[in-house]
Amino acid sequence: MSGHFVARVRKDGKITIPKEIRELLKIEPGELVNIDIRKPNWWDLLDWDELGEEAFNRLPEEIKQKIKRN
């Protein structure tokens, strides 16, 4: 099972995974996981379903193609 989410790197260098993602993927404390890391683009940080179709339609076509929508 895989998931897409934004994680935060703490000042001590550890990466935190949101609780709901840990529960969804059944990740236990101390368990090793494979994570593909990249810095998010600004559009990755927004909930496009919540923003609505009008906001999405205002974007340039090349940005629309990069956005993963549910």
Protein backbone atom coordinates (compact mmCIF):
# COMPACT_ATOMS: atom_id res chain seq x y z
CA MET A 1 0.00 0.00 0.00
CA SER A 2 1.26 3.50 -0.72
CA GLY A 3 0.20 6.99 0.21
CA HIS A 4 0.88 10.57 -0.81
CA PHE A 5 1.35 13.12 1.94
CA VAL A 6 3.51 16.04 3.06
CA ALA A 7 5.91 15.26 5.90
CA ARG A 8 7.88 17.69 8.02
CA VAL A 9 11.58 17.50 8.86
CA ARG A 10 12.11 18.43 12.49
CA LYS A 11 15.08 20.46 13.75
CA ASP A 12 16.69 17.23 14.99
CA GLY A 13 16.59 15.89 11.40
CA LYS A 14 13.83 13.34 11.98
CA ILE A 15 10.92 13.13 9.57
CA THR A 16 7.42 13.10 11.02
CA ILE A 17 4.65 11.20 9.27
CA PRO A 18 1.09 12.35 10.03
CA LYS A 19 -0.80 10.05 12.40
CA GLU A 20 -3.62 9.37 9.92
CA ILE A 21 -1.06 8.23 7.33
CA ARG A 22 0.73 5.99 9.86
CA GLU A 23 -2.63 4.41 10.76
CA LEU A 24 -3.70 4.04 7.11
CA LEU A 25 -0.42 2.34 6.17
CA LYS A 26 -0.26 0.44 9.48
CA ILE A 27 3.23 1.75 10.30
CA GLU A 28 4.34 0.82 13.80
CA PRO A 29 6.92 2.79 15.87
CA GLY A 30 10.44 1.64 15.02
CA GLU A 31 9.32 -0.03 11.78
CA LEU A 32 11.41 0.60 8.66
CA VAL A 33 9.62 2.13 5.67
CA ASN A 34 10.69 3.01 2.14
CA ILE A 35 10.05 6.70 1.43
CA ASP A 36 10.61 8.50 -1.87
CA ILE A 37 11.41 12.08 -0.90
CA ARG A 38 11.13 15.27 -2.92
CA LYS A 39 10.43 18.86 -2.02
CA PRO A 40 6.78 19.65 -2.70
CA ASN A 41 5.65 22.22 -5.22
CA TRP A 42 3.24 24.87 -4.00
CA TRP A 43 0.34 23.09 -5.69
CA ASP A 44 1.10 19.89 -3.73
CA LEU A 45 0.36 21.75 -0.48
CA LEU A 46 -3.20 22.73 -1.40
CA ASP A 47 -6.39 20.69 -1.16
CA TRP A 48 -7.81 21.16 -4.64
CA ASP A 49 -11.07 19.43 -3.82
CA GLU A 50 -11.61 21.91 -0.99
CA LEU A 51 -10.60 24.91 -3.13
CA GLY A 52 -13.11 23.95 -5.78
CA GLU A 53 -13.33 23.70 -9.52
CA GLU A 54 -13.23 27.47 -10.10
CA ALA A 55 -9.82 27.84 -8.44
CA PHE A 56 -8.46 24.85 -10.34
CA ASN A 57 -9.76 26.16 -13.67
CA ARG A 58 -7.89 29.46 -13.19
CA LEU A 59 -4.53 27.68 -13.24
CA PRO A 60 -2.31 27.55 -16.32
CA GLU A 61 -2.74 24.32 -18.28
CA GLU A 62 0.80 23.08 -17.53
CA ILE A 63 0.15 23.33 -13.76
CA LYS A 64 -3.24 21.59 -14.05
CA GLN A 65 -1.53 18.60 -15.67
CA LYS A 66 0.92 18.27 -12.75
CA ILE A 67 -1.76 18.23 -10.03
CA LYS A 68 -2.90 14.86 -8.72
CA ARG A 69 -6.60 15.09 -7.92
CA ASN A 70 -8.75 12.56 -6.07
